[in-house]
Amino acid sequence: MRSRSTAAWPRRILHPTDFSGGARRAETEAVRLARASDATLLLLHVVPEAHEGLVRSGSAAAQIMAVVRRARCDLIVMGTRGRSPLARSLLGSVADRVVRAAPCPVLTVRS
């Protein structure tokens, strides 16, 4: 039995990564949170075209949402490039889409 309340601490944390500098900083935070809460940490990398059996293809935001729901994650920790509001509105952002659609809290770490 855990010593911490399960309402305050996540049990499963998803860290979507593109292996960028910002994602690596978010990974460090995700590992810290997983250790502190004794949570399972899931790492996800989405590529536009599938080349391996264990990767997802398609829209990164949609695939992240699918994994979050299927694995019943309690927290998402992901990096963001910190684009300007104009660039975000014109180009969109995976992190923005995830924050809006996520069924659980999202911690974004700026690169």
PDB file of N, CA and C in Angstrom:
ATOM      1  N   MET A   1       0.840  -1.182   0.000  1.00  0.00           N
ATOM      2  CA  MET A   1       0.000   0.000   0.000  1.00  0.00           C
ATOM      3  C   MET A   1       0.882   1.242   0.000  1.00  0.00           C
ATOM      4  N   ARG A   2       0.480   2.224  -0.747  1.00  0.00           N
ATOM      5  CA  ARG A   2       1.244   3.462  -0.835  1.00  0.00           C
ATOM      6  C   ARG A   2       1.072   4.299   0.414  1.00  0.00           C
ATOM      7  N   SER A   3       2.109   5.050   0.714  1.00  0.00           N
ATOM      8  CA  SER A   3       2.014   5.946   1.857  1.00  0.00           C
ATOM      9  C   SER A   3       1.373   7.275   1.485  1.00  0.00           C
ATOM     10  N   ARG A   4       1.314   7.575   0.181  1.00  0.00           N
ATOM     11  CA  ARG A   4       0.731   8.836  -0.289  1.00  0.00           C
ATOM     12  C   ARG A   4      -0.688   8.589  -0.801  1.00  0.00           C
ATOM     13  N   SER A   5      -1.501   9.625  -0.731  1.00  0.00           N
ATOM     14  CA  SER A   5      -2.859   9.542  -1.262  1.00  0.00           C
ATOM     15  C   SER A   5      -2.803   9.368  -2.782  1.00  0.00           C
ATOM     16  N   THR A   6      -3.575   8.426  -3.320  1.00  0.00           N
ATOM     17  CA  THR A   6      -3.562   8.199  -4.768  1.00  0.00           C
ATOM     18  C   THR A   6      -4.198   9.357  -5.521  1.00  0.00           C
ATOM     19  N   ALA A   7      -5.001  10.188  -4.857  1.00  0.00           N
ATOM     20  CA  ALA A   7      -5.607  11.344  -5.518  1.00  0.00           C
ATOM     21  C   ALA A   7      -4.560  12.408  -5.820  1.00  0.00           C
ATOM     22  N   ALA A   8      -3.525  12.505  -4.998  1.00  0.00           N
ATOM     23  CA  ALA A   8      -2.520  13.542  -5.171  1.00  0.00           C
ATOM     24  C   ALA A   8      -1.360  13.109  -6.059  1.00  0.00           C
ATOM     25  N   TRP A   9      -1.142  11.827  -6.235  1.00  0.00           N
ATOM     26  CA  TRP A   9       0.016  11.333  -6.972  1.00  0.00           C
ATOM     27  C   TRP A   9      -0.424  10.467  -8.145  1.00  0.00           C
ATOM     28  N   PRO A  10       0.159  10.692  -9.299  1.00  0.00           N
ATOM     29  CA  PRO A  10      -0.192   9.864 -10.467  1.00  0.00           C
ATOM     30  C   PRO A  10       0.338   8.436 -10.313  1.00  0.00           C
ATOM     31  N   ARG A  11      -0.357   7.492 -10.943  1.00  0.00           N
ATOM     32  CA  ARG A  11       0.108   6.102 -10.955  1.00  0.00           C
ATOM     33  C   ARG A  11       0.786   5.775 -12.269  1.00  0.00           C
ATOM     34  N   ARG A  12       0.340   6.401 -13.350  1.00  0.00           N
ATOM     35  CA  ARG A  12       0.937   6.185 -14.674  1.00  0.00           C
ATOM     36  C   ARG A  12       1.190   7.542 -15.307  1.00  0.00           C
ATOM     37  N   ILE A  13       2.414   7.756 -15.751  1.00  0.00           N
ATOM     38  CA  ILE A  13       2.802   9.018 -16.374  1.00  0.00           C
ATOM     39  C   ILE A  13       3.231   8.725 -17.801  1.00  0.00           C
ATOM     40  N   LEU A  14       2.701   9.477 -18.747  1.00  0.00           N
ATOM     41  CA  LEU A  14       3.110   9.343 -20.147  1.00  0.00           C
ATOM     42  C   LEU A  14       4.043  10.495 -20.499  1.00  0.00           C
ATOM     43  N   HIS A  15       5.170  10.165 -21.124  1.00  0.00           N
ATOM     44  CA  HIS A  15       6.094  11.183 -21.616  1.00  0.00           C
ATOM     45  C   HIS A  15       6.259  11.004 -23.117  1.00  0.00           C
ATOM     46  N   PRO A  16       5.504  11.789 -23.928  1.00  0.00           N
ATOM     47  CA  PRO A  16       5.717  11.752 -25.369  1.00  0.00           C
ATOM     48  C   PRO A  16       7.017  12.492 -25.682  1.00  0.00           C
ATOM     49  N   THR A  17       7.836  11.934 -26.556  1.00  0.00           N
ATOM     50  CA  THR A  17       9.127  12.554 -26.839  1.00  0.00           C
ATOM     51  C   THR A  17       9.453  12.572 -28.317  1.00  0.00           C
ATOM     52  N   ASP A  18      10.100  13.654 -28.738  1.00  0.00           N
ATOM     53  CA  ASP A  18      10.664  13.718 -30.083  1.00  0.00           C
ATOM     54  C   ASP A  18      12.182  13.758 -29.995  1.00  0.00           C
ATOM     55  N   PHE A  19      12.721  13.529 -28.802  1.00  0.00           N
ATOM     56  CA  PHE A  19      14.149  13.478 -28.503  1.00  0.00           C
ATOM     57  C   PHE A  19      14.854  14.825 -28.666  1.00  0.00           C
ATOM     58  N   SER A  20      14.096  15.912 -28.662  1.00  0.00           N
ATOM     59  CA  SER A  20      14.674  17.250 -28.731  1.00  0.00           C
ATOM     60  C   SER A  20      15.198  17.644 -27.349  1.00  0.00           C
ATOM     61  N   GLY A  21      15.872  18.782 -27.291  1.00  0.00           N
ATOM     62  CA  GLY A  21      16.368  19.280 -26.015  1.00  0.00           C
ATOM     63  C   GLY A  21      15.251  19.516 -25.014  1.00  0.00           C
ATOM     64  N   GLY A  22      14.157  20.103 -25.482  1.00  0.00           N
ATOM     65  CA  GLY A  22      13.015  20.334 -24.594  1.00  0.00           C
ATOM     66  C   GLY A  22      12.405  19.047 -24.095  1.00  0.00           C
ATOM     67  N   ALA A  23      12.330  18.057 -24.976  1.00  0.00           N
ATOM     68  CA  ALA A  23      11.781  16.763 -24.576  1.00  0.00           C
ATOM     69  C   ALA A  23      12.689  16.083 -23.560  1.00  0.00           C
ATOM     70  N   ARG A  24      13.984  16.247 -23.712  1.00  0.00           N
ATOM     71  CA  ARG A  24      14.921  15.649 -22.746  1.00  0.00           C
ATOM     72  C   ARG A  24      14.771  16.292 -21.365  1.00  0.00           C
ATOM     73  N   ARG A  25      14.552  17.605 -21.341  1.00  0.00           N
ATOM     74  CA  ARG A  25      14.308  18.263 -20.050  1.00  0.00           C
ATOM     75  C   ARG A  25      12.995  17.770 -19.440  1.00  0.00           C
ATOM     76  N   ALA A  26      11.986  17.595 -20.290  1.00  0.00           N
ATOM     77  CA  ALA A  26      10.702  17.075 -19.800  1.00  0.00           C
ATOM     78  C   ALA A  26      10.872  15.634 -19.310  1.00  0.00           C
ATOM     79  N   GLU A  27      11.710  14.856 -19.979  1.00  0.00           N
ATOM     80  CA  GLU A  27      11.962  13.472 -19.552  1.00  0.00           C
ATOM     81  C   GLU A  27      12.584  13.446 -18.155  1.00  0.00           C
ATOM     82  N   THR A  28      13.521  14.352 -17.899  1.00  0.00           N
ATOM     83  CA  THR A  28      14.135  14.436 -16.571  1.00  0.00           C
ATOM     84  C   THR A  28      13.072  14.704 -15.517  1.00  0.00           C
ATOM     85  N   GLU A  29      12.149  15.621 -15.818  1.00  0.00           N
ATOM     86  CA  GLU A  29      11.069  15.934 -14.875  1.00  0.00           C
ATOM     87  C   GLU A  29      10.116  14.745 -14.715  1.00  0.00           C
ATOM     88  N   ALA A  30       9.808  14.064 -15.824  1.00  0.00           N
ATOM     89  CA  ALA A  30       8.921  12.902 -15.763  1.00  0.00           C
ATOM     90  C   ALA A  30       9.530  11.789 -14.908  1.00  0.00           C
ATOM     91  N   VAL A  31      10.820  11.552 -15.071  1.00  0.00           N
ATOM     92  CA  VAL A  31      11.503  10.533 -14.262  1.00  0.00           C
ATOM     93  C   VAL A  31      11.466  10.921 -12.793  1.00  0.00           C
ATOM     94  N   ARG A  32      11.725  12.199 -12.506  1.00  0.00           N
ATOM     95  CA  ARG A  32      11.686  12.658 -11.115  1.00  0.00           C
ATOM     96  C   ARG A  32      10.308  12.452 -10.493  1.00  0.00           C
ATOM     97  N   LEU A  33       9.267  12.826 -11.253  1.00  0.00           N
ATOM     98  CA  LEU A  33       7.903  12.658 -10.744  1.00  0.00           C
ATOM     99  C   LEU A  33       7.533  11.189 -10.577  1.00  0.00           C
ATOM    100  N   ALA A  34       7.950  10.349 -11.515  1.00  0.00           N
ATOM    101  CA  ALA A  34       7.649   8.912 -11.424  1.00  0.00           C
ATOM    102  C   ALA A  34       8.313   8.299 -10.200  1.00  0.00           C
ATOM    103  N   ARG A  35       9.556   8.675  -9.963  1.00  0.00           N
ATOM    104  CA  ARG A  35      10.257   8.147  -8.776  1.00  0.00           C
ATOM    105  C   ARG A  35       9.599   8.625  -7.490  1.00  0.00           C
ATOM    106  N   ALA A  36       9.247   9.916  -7.448  1.00  0.00           N
ATOM    107  CA  ALA A  36       8.663  10.492  -6.235  1.00  0.00           C
ATOM    108  C   ALA A  36       7.303   9.892  -5.911  1.00  0.00           C
ATOM    109  N   SER A  37       6.564   9.496  -6.941  1.00  0.00           N
ATOM    110  CA  SER A  37       5.210   8.981  -6.716  1.00  0.00           C
ATOM    111  C   SER A  37       5.117   7.480  -6.908  1.00  0.00           C
ATOM    112  N   ASP A  38       6.244   6.820  -7.160  1.00  0.00           N
ATOM    113  CA  ASP A  38       6.270   5.379  -7.391  1.00  0.00           C
ATOM    114  C   ASP A  38       5.329   5.005  -8.540  1.00  0.00           C
ATOM    115  N   ALA A  39       5.362   5.826  -9.595  1.00  0.00           N
ATOM    116  CA  ALA A  39       4.474   5.647 -10.749  1.00  0.00           C
ATOM    117  C   ALA A  39       5.196   4.906 -11.867  1.00  0.00           C
ATOM    118  N   THR A  40       4.416   4.338 -12.769  1.00  0.00           N
ATOM    119  CA  THR A  40       4.944   3.740 -13.985  1.00  0.00           C
ATOM    120  C   THR A  40       5.132   4.855 -15.002  1.00  0.00           C
ATOM    121  N   LEU A  41       6.292   4.878 -15.663  1.00  0.00           N
ATOM    122  CA  LEU A  41       6.581   5.889 -16.667  1.00  0.00           C
ATOM    123  C   LEU A  41       6.560   5.239 -18.041  1.00  0.00           C
ATOM    124  N   LEU A  42       5.685   5.744 -18.925  1.00  0.00           N
ATOM    125  CA  LEU A  42       5.597   5.253 -20.295  1.00  0.00           C
ATOM    126  C   LEU A  42       6.211   6.292 -21.220  1.00  0.00           C
ATOM    127  N   LEU A  43       7.114   5.853 -22.089  1.00  0.00           N
ATOM    128  CA  LEU A  43       7.717   6.745 -23.078  1.00  0.00           C
ATOM    129  C   LEU A  43       7.090   6.454 -24.424  1.00  0.00           C
ATOM    130  N   LEU A  44       6.738   7.519 -25.165  1.00  0.00           N
ATOM    131  CA  LEU A  44       6.102   7.363 -26.467  1.00  0.00           C
ATOM    132  C   LEU A  44       6.787   8.255 -27.482  1.00  0.00           C
ATOM    133  N   HIS A  45       7.128   7.674 -28.630  1.00  0.00           N
ATOM    134  CA  HIS A  45       7.661   8.428 -29.756  1.00  0.00           C
ATOM    135  C   HIS A  45       6.789   8.109 -30.964  1.00  0.00           C
ATOM    136  N   VAL A  46       6.265   9.134 -31.609  1.00  0.00           N
ATOM    137  CA  VAL A  46       5.401   8.962 -32.773  1.00  0.00           C
ATOM    138  C   VAL A  46       6.160   9.439 -34.004  1.00  0.00           C
ATOM    139  N   VAL A  47       6.194   8.596 -35.046  1.00  0.00           N
ATOM    140  CA  VAL A  47       6.854   8.964 -36.301  1.00  0.00           C
ATOM    141  C   VAL A  47       5.803   9.056 -37.401  1.00  0.00           C
ATOM    142  N   PRO A  48       6.029   9.911 -38.419  1.00  0.00           N
ATOM    143  CA  PRO A  48       5.040  10.057 -39.490  1.00  0.00           C
ATOM    144  C   PRO A  48       4.755   8.758 -40.247  1.00  0.00           C
ATOM    145  N   GLU A  49       5.750   7.934 -40.455  1.00  0.00           N
ATOM    146  CA  GLU A  49       5.560   6.651 -41.135  1.00  0.00           C
ATOM    147  C   GLU A  49       6.163   5.554 -40.280  1.00  0.00           C
ATOM    148  N   ALA A  50       5.449   4.447 -40.131  1.00  0.00           N
ATOM    149  CA  ALA A  50       5.930   3.358 -39.284  1.00  0.00           C
ATOM    150  C   ALA A  50       7.065   2.601 -39.965  1.00  0.00           C
ATOM    151  N   HIS A  51       8.189   2.463 -39.256  1.00  0.00           N
ATOM    152  CA  HIS A  51       9.328   1.692 -39.736  1.00  0.00           C
ATOM    153  C   HIS A  51       9.631   0.534 -38.796  1.00  0.00           C
ATOM    154  N   GLU A  52       9.066   0.574 -37.599  1.00  0.00           N
ATOM    155  CA  GLU A  52       9.285  -0.469 -36.586  1.00  0.00           C
ATOM    156  C   GLU A  52       7.937  -0.902 -36.048  1.00  0.00           C
ATOM    157  N   GLY A  53       7.884  -2.074 -35.437  1.00  0.00           N
ATOM    158  CA  GLY A  53       6.625  -2.613 -34.928  1.00  0.00           C
ATOM    159  C   GLY A  53       6.089  -1.938 -33.677  1.00  0.00           C
ATOM    160  N   LEU A  54       6.913  -1.232 -32.926  1.00  0.00           N
ATOM    161  CA  LEU A  54       6.480  -0.671 -31.650  1.00  0.00           C
ATOM    162  C   LEU A  54       6.335   0.849 -31.660  1.00  0.00           C
ATOM    163  N   VAL A  55       6.217   1.440 -32.820  1.00  0.00           N
ATOM    164  CA  VAL A  55       6.003   2.882 -32.906  1.00  0.00           C
ATOM    165  C   VAL A  55       4.630   3.157 -33.499  1.00  0.00           C
ATOM    166  N   ARG A  56       4.131   4.342 -33.295  1.00  0.00           N
ATOM    167  CA  ARG A  56       2.836   4.758 -33.830  1.00  0.00           C
ATOM    168  C   ARG A  56       3.053   5.668 -35.015  1.00  0.00           C
ATOM    169  N   SER A  57       2.158   5.616 -35.963  1.00  0.00           N
ATOM    170  CA  SER A  57       2.229   6.545 -37.083  1.00  0.00           C
ATOM    171  C   SER A  57       0.959   7.376 -37.117  1.00  0.00           C
ATOM    172  N   GLY A  58       1.063   8.541 -37.709  1.00  0.00           N
ATOM    173  CA  GLY A  58      -0.086   9.423 -37.819  1.00  0.00           C
ATOM    174  C   GLY A  58       0.136  10.715 -37.067  1.00  0.00           C
ATOM    175  N   SER A  59      -0.942  11.356 -36.717  1.00  0.00           N
ATOM    176  CA  SER A  59      -0.898  12.615 -35.983  1.00  0.00           C
ATOM    177  C   SER A  59      -0.350  12.369 -34.577  1.00  0.00           C
ATOM    178  N   ALA A  60       0.685  13.117 -34.216  1.00  0.00           N
ATOM    179  CA  ALA A  60       1.300  12.923 -32.896  1.00  0.00           C
ATOM    180  C   ALA A  60       0.279  13.163 -31.777  1.00  0.00           C
ATOM    181  N   ALA A  61      -0.484  14.251 -31.867  1.00  0.00           N
ATOM    182  CA  ALA A  61      -1.454  14.552 -30.813  1.00  0.00           C
ATOM    183  C   ALA A  61      -2.509  13.454 -30.704  1.00  0.00           C
ATOM    184  N   ALA A  62      -3.015  12.968 -31.826  1.00  0.00           N
ATOM    185  CA  ALA A  62      -4.033  11.912 -31.802  1.00  0.00           C
ATOM    186  C   ALA A  62      -3.476  10.616 -31.224  1.00  0.00           C
ATOM    187  N   GLN A  63      -2.252  10.275 -31.578  1.00  0.00           N
ATOM    188  CA  GLN A  63      -1.649   9.048 -31.060  1.00  0.00           C
ATOM    189  C   GLN A  63      -1.355   9.166 -29.568  1.00  0.00           C
ATOM    190  N   ILE A  64      -0.932  10.339 -29.130  1.00  0.00           N
ATOM    191  CA  ILE A  64      -0.712  10.557 -27.700  1.00  0.00           C
ATOM    192  C   ILE A  64      -2.017  10.369 -26.943  1.00  0.00           C
ATOM    193  N   MET A  65      -3.115  10.952 -27.451  1.00  0.00           N
ATOM    194  CA  MET A  65      -4.420  10.801 -26.789  1.00  0.00           C
ATOM    195  C   MET A  65      -4.854   9.337 -26.752  1.00  0.00           C
ATOM    196  N   ALA A  66      -4.615   8.606 -27.833  1.00  0.00           N
ATOM    197  CA  ALA A  66      -4.992   7.184 -27.878  1.00  0.00           C
ATOM    198  C   ALA A  66      -4.243   6.391 -26.811  1.00  0.00           C
ATOM    199  N   VAL A  67      -2.943   6.642 -26.674  1.00  0.00           N
ATOM    200  CA  VAL A  67      -2.145   5.916 -25.679  1.00  0.00           C
ATOM    201  C   VAL A  67      -2.555   6.314 -24.267  1.00  0.00           C
ATOM    202  N   VAL A  68      -2.796   7.606 -24.050  1.00  0.00           N
ATOM    203  CA  VAL A  68      -3.215   8.078 -22.722  1.00  0.00           C
ATOM    204  C   VAL A  68      -4.495   7.372 -22.287  1.00  0.00           C
ATOM    205  N   ARG A  69      -5.454   7.297 -23.195  1.00  0.00           N
ATOM    206  CA  ARG A  69      -6.737   6.663 -22.842  1.00  0.00           C
ATOM    207  C   ARG A  69      -6.590   5.158 -22.663  1.00  0.00           C
ATOM    208  N   ARG A  70      -5.865   4.515 -23.576  1.00  0.00           N
ATOM    209  CA  ARG A  70      -5.710   3.057 -23.505  1.00  0.00           C
ATOM    210  C   ARG A  70      -4.950   2.634 -22.246  1.00  0.00           C
ATOM    211  N   ALA A  71      -3.905   3.386 -21.898  1.00  0.00           N
ATOM    212  CA  ALA A  71      -3.087   3.038 -20.727  1.00  0.00           C
ATOM    213  C   ALA A  71      -3.606   3.671 -19.439  1.00  0.00           C
ATOM    214  N   ARG A  72      -4.660   4.480 -19.559  1.00  0.00           N
ATOM    215  CA  ARG A  72      -5.255   5.166 -18.409  1.00  0.00           C
ATOM    216  C   ARG A  72      -4.214   5.941 -17.611  1.00  0.00           C
ATOM    217  N   CYS A  73      -3.462   6.779 -18.316  1.00  0.00           N
ATOM    218  CA  CYS A  73      -2.414   7.581 -17.683  1.00  0.00           C
ATOM    219  C   CYS A  73      -3.028   8.684 -16.825  1.00  0.00           C
ATOM    220  N   ASP A  74      -2.335   9.021 -15.762  1.00  0.00           N
ATOM    221  CA  ASP A  74      -2.783  10.052 -14.823  1.00  0.00           C
ATOM    222  C   ASP A  74      -2.111  11.393 -15.072  1.00  0.00           C
ATOM    223  N   LEU A  75      -1.032  11.402 -15.846  1.00  0.00           N
ATOM    224  CA  LEU A  75      -0.264  12.623 -16.068  1.00  0.00           C
ATOM    225  C   LEU A  75       0.513  12.474 -17.367  1.00  0.00           C
ATOM    226  N   ILE A  76       0.635  13.581 -18.110  1.00  0.00           N
ATOM    227  CA  ILE A  76       1.470  13.642 -19.316  1.00  0.00           C
ATOM    228  C   ILE A  76       2.534  14.695 -19.052  1.00  0.00           C
ATOM    229  N   VAL A  77       3.798  14.354 -19.296  1.00  0.00           N
ATOM    230  CA  VAL A  77       4.898  15.307 -19.166  1.00  0.00           C
ATOM    231  C   VAL A  77       5.563  15.391 -20.524  1.00  0.00           C
ATOM    232  N   MET A  78       5.531  16.571 -21.145  1.00  0.00           N
ATOM    233  CA  MET A  78       6.095  16.693 -22.493  1.00  0.00           C
ATOM    234  C   MET A  78       6.766  18.035 -22.693  1.00  0.00           C
ATOM    235  N   GLY A  79       7.700  18.063 -23.615  1.00  0.00           N
ATOM    236  CA  GLY A  79       8.411  19.291 -23.935  1.00  0.00           C
ATOM    237  C   GLY A  79       7.627  20.141 -24.912  1.00  0.00           C
ATOM    238  N   THR A  80       7.926  21.431 -24.903  1.00  0.00           N
ATOM    239  CA  THR A  80       7.339  22.357 -25.854  1.00  0.00           C
ATOM    240  C   THR A  80       8.426  23.327 -26.291  1.00  0.00           C
ATOM    241  N   ARG A  81       8.353  23.748 -27.525  1.00  0.00           N
ATOM    242  CA  ARG A  81       9.387  24.640 -28.059  1.00  0.00           C
ATOM    243  C   ARG A  81       9.185  26.082 -27.626  1.00  0.00           C
ATOM    244  N   GLY A  82       8.026  26.417 -27.116  1.00  0.00           N
ATOM    245  CA  GLY A  82       7.776  27.781 -26.659  1.00  0.00           C
ATOM    246  C   GLY A  82       7.680  28.779 -27.790  1.00  0.00           C
ATOM    247  N   ARG A  83       6.990  28.402 -28.853  1.00  0.00           N
ATOM    248  CA  ARG A  83       6.801  29.317 -29.990  1.00  0.00           C
ATOM    249  C   ARG A  83       5.984  30.529 -29.586  1.00  0.00           C
ATOM    250  N   SER A  84       6.065  31.567 -30.396  1.00  0.00           N
ATOM    251  CA  SER A  84       5.276  32.771 -30.145  1.00  0.00           C
ATOM    252  C   SER A  84       3.801  32.456 -30.391  1.00  0.00           C
ATOM    253  N   PRO A  85       2.899  33.243 -29.814  1.00  0.00           N
ATOM    254  CA  PRO A  85       1.465  33.004 -30.036  1.00  0.00           C
ATOM    255  C   PRO A  85       1.084  33.008 -31.519  1.00  0.00           C
ATOM    256  N   LEU A  86       1.710  33.889 -32.312  1.00  0.00           N
ATOM    257  CA  LEU A  86       1.409  33.947 -33.741  1.00  0.00           C
ATOM    258  C   LEU A  86       1.853  32.660 -34.440  1.00  0.00           C
ATOM    259  N   ALA A  87       3.055  32.182 -34.156  1.00  0.00           N
ATOM    260  CA  ALA A  87       3.551  30.946 -34.776  1.00  0.00           C
ATOM    261  C   ALA A  87       2.675  29.762 -34.378  1.00  0.00           C
ATOM    262  N   ARG A  88       2.260  29.741 -33.098  1.00  0.00           N
ATOM    263  CA  ARG A  88       1.387  28.648 -32.632  1.00  0.00           C
ATOM    264  C   ARG A  88       0.062  28.664 -33.360  1.00  0.00           C
ATOM    265  N   SER A  89      -0.506  29.860 -33.548  1.00  0.00           N
ATOM    266  CA  SER A  89      -1.815  29.941 -34.206  1.00  0.00           C
ATOM    267  C   SER A  89      -1.723  29.578 -35.681  1.00  0.00           C
ATOM    268  N   LEU A  90      -0.612  29.898 -36.327  1.00  0.00           N
ATOM    269  CA  LEU A  90      -0.454  29.579 -37.742  1.00  0.00           C
ATOM    270  C   LEU A  90      -0.030  28.133 -37.971  1.00  0.00           C
ATOM    271  N   LEU A  91       0.879  27.652 -37.163  1.00  0.00           N
ATOM    272  CA  LEU A  91       1.453  26.321 -37.368  1.00  0.00           C
ATOM    273  C   LEU A  91       0.813  25.250 -36.489  1.00  0.00           C
ATOM    274  N   GLY A  92       0.232  25.661 -35.378  1.00  0.00           N
ATOM    275  CA  GLY A  92      -0.301  24.683 -34.440  1.00  0.00           C
ATOM    276  C   GLY A  92       0.823  24.122 -33.599  1.00  0.00           C
ATOM    277  N   SER A  93       0.473  23.396 -32.588  1.00  0.00           N
ATOM    278  CA  SER A  93       1.462  22.819 -31.697  1.00  0.00           C
ATOM    279  C   SER A  93       0.900  21.511 -31.150  1.00  0.00           C
ATOM    280  N   VAL A  94       1.719  20.484 -31.184  1.00  0.00           N
ATOM    281  CA  VAL A  94       1.295  19.197 -30.612  1.00  0.00           C
ATOM    282  C   VAL A  94       0.980  19.385 -29.138  1.00  0.00           C
ATOM    283  N   ALA A  95       1.848  20.103 -28.423  1.00  0.00           N
ATOM    284  CA  ALA A  95       1.618  20.321 -26.992  1.00  0.00           C
ATOM    285  C   ALA A  95       0.302  21.057 -26.753  1.00  0.00           C
ATOM    286  N   ASP A  96       0.000  22.075 -27.565  1.00  0.00           N
ATOM    287  CA  ASP A  96      -1.271  22.805 -27.415  1.00  0.00           C
ATOM    288  C   ASP A  96      -2.462  21.875 -27.609  1.00  0.00           C
ATOM    289  N   ARG A  97      -2.392  21.039 -28.636  1.00  0.00           N
ATOM    290  CA  ARG A  97      -3.503  20.106 -28.898  1.00  0.00           C
ATOM    291  C   ARG A  97      -3.666  19.103 -27.757  1.00  0.00           C
ATOM    292  N   VAL A  98      -2.541  18.628 -27.235  1.00  0.00           N
ATOM    293  CA  VAL A  98      -2.601  17.662 -26.129  1.00  0.00           C
ATOM    294  C   VAL A  98      -3.186  18.320 -24.884  1.00  0.00           C
ATOM    295  N   VAL A  99      -2.732  19.530 -24.558  1.00  0.00           N
ATOM    296  CA  VAL A  99      -3.248  20.234 -23.377  1.00  0.00           C
ATOM    297  C   VAL A  99      -4.758  20.410 -23.478  1.00  0.00           C
ATOM    298  N   ARG A 100      -5.244  20.760 -24.661  1.00  0.00           N
ATOM    299  CA  ARG A 100      -6.692  20.980 -24.837  1.00  0.00           C
ATOM    300  C   ARG A 100      -7.508  19.694 -24.762  1.00  0.00           C
ATOM    301  N   ALA A 101      -6.950  18.581 -25.228  1.00  0.00           N
ATOM    302  CA  ALA A 101      -7.732  17.353 -25.348  1.00  0.00           C
ATOM    303  C   ALA A 101      -7.483  16.332 -24.246  1.00  0.00           C
ATOM    304  N   ALA A 102      -6.467  16.515 -23.462  1.00  0.00           N
ATOM    305  CA  ALA A 102      -6.069  15.483 -22.492  1.00  0.00           C
ATOM    306  C   ALA A 102      -7.120  15.270 -21.406  1.00  0.00           C
ATOM    307  N   PRO A 103      -7.361  14.000 -21.071  1.00  0.00           N
ATOM    308  CA  PRO A 103      -8.292  13.677 -19.994  1.00  0.00           C
ATOM    309  C   PRO A 103      -7.616  13.730 -18.618  1.00  0.00           C
ATOM    310  N   CYS A 104      -6.339  14.116 -18.584  1.00  0.00           N
ATOM    311  CA  CYS A 104      -5.585  14.163 -17.337  1.00  0.00           C
ATOM    312  C   CYS A 104      -4.697  15.416 -17.381  1.00  0.00           C
ATOM    313  N   PRO A 105      -4.064  15.763 -16.270  1.00  0.00           N
ATOM    314  CA  PRO A 105      -3.178  16.930 -16.253  1.00  0.00           C
ATOM    315  C   PRO A 105      -1.993  16.752 -17.217  1.00  0.00           C
ATOM    316  N   VAL A 106      -1.516  17.887 -17.760  1.00  0.00           N
ATOM    317  CA  VAL A 106      -0.367  17.909 -18.659  1.00  0.00           C
ATOM    318  C   VAL A 106       0.639  18.903 -18.111  1.00  0.00           C
ATOM    319  N   LEU A 107       1.878  18.439 -17.910  1.00  0.00           N
ATOM    320  CA  LEU A 107       2.969  19.312 -17.497  1.00  0.00           C
ATOM    321  C   LEU A 107       3.839  19.540 -18.712  1.00  0.00           C
ATOM    322  N   THR A 108       3.932  20.801 -19.161  1.00  0.00           N
ATOM    323  CA  THR A 108       4.784  21.109 -20.302  1.00  0.00           C
ATOM    324  C   THR A 108       6.072  21.743 -19.790  1.00  0.00           C
ATOM    325  N   VAL A 109       7.173  21.330 -20.400  1.00  0.00           N
ATOM    326  CA  VAL A 109       8.493  21.842 -20.044  1.00  0.00           C
ATOM    327  C   VAL A 109       9.041  22.568 -21.255  1.00  0.00           C
ATOM    328  N   ARG A 110       9.293  23.851 -21.130  1.00  0.00           N
ATOM    329  CA  ARG A 110       9.744  24.671 -22.254  1.00  0.00           C
ATOM    330  C   ARG A 110      11.222  24.414 -22.544  1.00  0.00           C
ATOM    331  N   SER A 111      11.544  24.344 -23.846  1.00  0.00           N
ATOM    332  CA  SER A 111      12.928  24.103 -24.237  1.00  0.00           C
ATOM    333  C   SER A 111      13.749  25.369 -24.145  1.00  0.00           C
TER     334      SER A 111
END
